[in-house]
N, C-alpha and C. Protein backbone atom coordinates (compact mmCIF):
# COMPACT_ATOMS: atom_id res chain seq x y z
N MET A 1 0.80 -1.00 -0.09
CA MET A 1 -0.06 0.04 0.02
C MET A 1 0.90 1.47 0.08
N PRO A 2 0.38 2.38 -0.81
CA PRO A 2 1.33 3.67 -0.40
C PRO A 2 1.40 3.85 0.72
N ALA A 3 2.36 4.89 1.05
CA ALA A 3 2.53 5.55 2.51
C ALA A 3 1.98 6.64 2.97
N VAL A 4 0.85 7.22 1.99
CA VAL A 4 -0.03 7.93 2.45
C VAL A 4 -1.50 7.87 2.21
N GLY A 5 -2.56 8.41 2.68
CA GLY A 5 -3.72 8.62 2.47
C GLY A 5 -4.73 6.99 2.90
N GLU A 6 -5.92 7.32 2.92
CA GLU A 6 -7.09 6.13 3.37
C GLU A 6 -7.12 5.07 2.71
N TRP A 7 -7.18 3.97 3.19
CA TRP A 7 -7.57 2.79 2.15
C TRP A 7 -8.99 1.78 2.91
N GLN A 8 -9.33 1.26 2.33
CA GLN A 8 -10.96 0.61 3.05
C GLN A 8 -10.24 -0.59 2.80
N LEU A 9 -10.07 -1.50 3.80
CA LEU A 9 -9.82 -3.06 3.86
C LEU A 9 -11.19 -3.68 3.98
N VAL A 10 -11.30 -5.00 3.19
CA VAL A 10 -12.08 -5.91 3.51
C VAL A 10 -11.86 -6.95 4.30
N PRO A 11 -12.78 -8.25 4.60
CA PRO A 11 -11.99 -9.20 5.22
C PRO A 11 -11.12 -9.96 4.32
N GLY A 12 -9.97 -10.29 4.94
CA GLY A 12 -9.08 -11.17 4.52
C GLY A 12 -7.88 -10.53 3.84
N CYS A 13 -8.06 -9.24 3.83
CA CYS A 13 -6.69 -8.23 4.25
C CYS A 13 -5.97 -8.46 4.58
N CYS A 14 -4.54 -8.19 4.38
CA CYS A 14 -3.10 -8.53 5.16
C CYS A 14 -2.59 -6.93 4.78
N VAL A 15 -1.93 -6.24 5.76
CA VAL A 15 -1.65 -4.81 5.13
C VAL A 15 -0.17 -4.76 6.25
N GLY A 16 0.89 -4.22 5.69
CA GLY A 16 2.10 -4.06 6.77
C GLY A 16 2.57 -2.36 6.78
N PHE A 17 3.13 -2.46 7.52
CA PHE A 17 3.75 -0.72 8.17
C PHE A 17 5.02 -1.16 8.23
N ALA A 18 5.70 -0.27 7.28
CA ALA A 18 7.18 -0.32 7.79
C ALA A 18 8.06 0.40 9.08
N HIS A 19 8.91 -0.32 9.28
CA HIS A 19 9.58 0.07 10.60
C HIS A 19 10.19 1.23 10.00
N GLY A 20 9.96 2.18 10.98
CA GLY A 20 10.48 3.78 10.89
C GLY A 20 10.16 4.48 9.88
N ALA A 21 8.84 4.24 9.66
CA ALA A 21 8.19 4.87 8.58
C ALA A 21 7.71 6.26 9.55
N ALA A 22 7.99 7.38 8.65
CA ALA A 22 7.75 8.86 8.87
C ALA A 22 6.58 9.12 9.66
N ASN A 23 5.30 8.41 8.84
CA ASN A 23 3.86 9.11 9.03
C ASN A 23 3.17 7.75 9.99
N ALA A 24 2.58 7.94 10.87
CA ALA A 24 1.47 7.25 11.50
C ALA A 24 0.51 6.67 11.03
N HIS A 25 0.08 5.15 11.43
CA HIS A 25 -1.14 4.41 10.97
C HIS A 25 -2.20 4.24 12.05
N GLN A 26 -3.37 4.00 11.57
CA GLN A 26 -4.51 3.89 12.69
C GLN A 26 -5.17 2.85 11.62
N LEU A 27 -6.22 2.07 12.08
CA LEU A 27 -7.06 1.31 11.72
C LEU A 27 -8.12 1.66 12.56
N VAL A 28 -9.25 2.05 11.87
CA VAL A 28 -10.51 2.35 12.28
C VAL A 28 -11.67 1.83 11.45
N ASN A 29 -12.60 0.99 12.40
CA ASN A 29 -13.89 0.38 11.84
C ASN A 29 -15.06 1.31 11.55
N ARG A 30 -15.17 1.64 10.64
CA ARG A 30 -16.52 2.27 10.16
C ARG A 30 -17.56 1.59 9.87
N THR A 31 -17.69 0.29 10.36
CA THR A 31 -18.93 -0.72 10.10
C THR A 31 -19.61 -0.86 11.24
N SER A 32 -20.72 -1.47 11.52
CA SER A 32 -21.60 -1.86 12.97
C SER A 32 -20.95 -3.13 13.05
N ASP A 33 -19.99 -3.72 12.38
CA ASP A 33 -19.75 -5.05 12.37
C ASP A 33 -18.46 -5.20 13.24
N GLU A 34 -18.31 -6.39 14.10
CA GLU A 34 -17.22 -6.80 14.76
C GLU A 34 -16.10 -7.03 13.80
N VAL A 35 -14.85 -6.38 14.27
CA VAL A 35 -13.75 -6.68 13.39
C VAL A 35 -12.66 -7.30 14.22
N LEU A 36 -11.67 -8.67 13.63
CA LEU A 36 -11.01 -9.12 14.59
C LEU A 36 -9.45 -8.57 13.83
N LEU A 37 -8.79 -7.91 14.45
CA LEU A 37 -7.10 -7.48 14.27
C LEU A 37 -6.38 -8.23 14.67
N LEU A 38 -5.11 -9.02 14.07
CA LEU A 38 -3.97 -9.62 14.42
C LEU A 38 -3.06 -9.03 14.09
N GLU A 39 -2.06 -8.59 15.07
CA GLU A 39 -1.09 -7.82 14.98
C GLU A 39 -0.06 -8.65 15.27
N VAL A 40 0.96 -8.74 14.17
CA VAL A 40 2.28 -9.35 14.32
C VAL A 40 3.60 -8.35 14.61
N SER A 41 4.40 -8.77 15.37
CA SER A 41 5.79 -7.93 15.50
C SER A 41 6.60 -9.05 16.03
N ASP A 42 7.88 -8.49 15.67
CA ASP A 42 9.26 -9.44 16.43
C ASP A 42 9.66 -8.92 17.57
N ARG A 43 8.93 -8.08 18.19
CA ARG A 43 9.04 -7.70 19.60
C ARG A 43 10.56 -7.43 19.84
N THR A 44 11.46 -6.64 19.05
CA THR A 44 12.25 -5.94 18.91
C THR A 44 12.46 -5.10 20.16
N ALA A 45 13.85 -5.24 20.71
CA ALA A 45 14.25 -4.85 21.91
C ALA A 45 14.31 -3.14 21.78
N GLY A 46 13.14 -2.13 22.48
CA GLY A 46 13.22 -0.99 22.48
C GLY A 46 12.27 -0.48 21.51
N ASP A 47 11.26 -1.05 20.96
CA ASP A 47 10.38 -1.12 20.42
C ASP A 47 9.50 -0.50 21.11
N ARG A 48 8.52 0.55 20.86
CA ARG A 48 7.66 1.18 21.53
C ARG A 48 6.26 1.61 20.84
N ALA A 49 5.30 1.41 21.26
CA ALA A 49 3.64 1.71 20.49
C ALA A 49 3.15 2.96 21.80
N SER A 50 2.31 3.56 20.77
CA SER A 50 1.56 4.83 21.60
C SER A 50 0.22 4.57 21.12
N TYR A 51 -0.75 4.74 22.09
CA TYR A 51 -2.12 4.31 21.82
C TYR A 51 -2.61 5.55 22.43
N PRO A 52 -2.59 6.91 21.85
CA PRO A 52 -3.02 8.24 22.67
C PRO A 52 -4.50 8.20 23.02
N TYR A 53 -5.51 7.36 22.63
CA TYR A 53 -6.81 7.20 23.05
C TYR A 53 -7.07 6.29 24.03
N THR A 54 -7.67 6.54 25.30
CA THR A 54 -7.72 5.29 26.39
C THR A 54 -9.17 5.03 26.56
N SER A 55 -9.77 5.46 25.48
CA SER A 55 -11.35 5.10 25.46
C SER A 55 -12.08 5.36 23.94
N GLU A 56 -13.20 4.59 23.84
CA GLU A 56 -13.64 5.05 22.58
C GLU A 56 -14.38 6.17 22.26
N SER A 57 -14.89 6.49 23.69
CA SER A 57 -15.37 7.76 23.41
C SER A 57 -14.36 9.18 23.35
N GLU A 58 -13.16 8.82 23.59
CA GLU A 58 -12.15 9.65 23.19
C GLU A 58 -11.98 9.72 21.82
N LEU A 59 -11.85 8.13 21.63
CA LEU A 59 -11.36 8.22 20.04
C LEU A 59 -12.47 9.30 19.23
N ARG A 60 -13.97 8.77 19.36
CA ARG A 60 -14.84 9.12 18.76
C ARG A 60 -14.88 10.79 18.72
N GLN A 61 -14.44 11.42 19.79
CA GLN A 61 -14.37 12.91 20.17
C GLN A 61 -13.44 13.40 19.25
N ALA A 62 -12.12 12.51 19.12
CA ALA A 62 -10.80 12.94 18.42
C ALA A 62 -11.19 13.04 16.81
N LEU A 63 -12.38 12.21 16.49
CA LEU A 63 -12.42 12.04 15.13
C LEU A 63 -13.71 13.05 14.81
N GLY A 64 -14.40 14.06 15.81
CA GLY A 64 -15.32 14.55 15.42
C GLY A 64 -16.62 13.95 15.25
N GLY A 65 -16.99 12.89 15.96
CA GLY A 65 -18.07 12.12 16.29
C GLY A 65 -18.50 12.23 17.50
């Protein structure tokens, strides 16, 4: 996938995000259906993840909804 923009995923899609990429990524479920996300990592020492929203209501507010 290109490094910028928004992409609609469908069941069975697999995407990867390159280590060290300058832009952030997020996955947003815009449906009323439940989504299963499988995240895979090699757990490289020193890697960090940031989850800026601690609740669904905070996320919805940030997205303008």
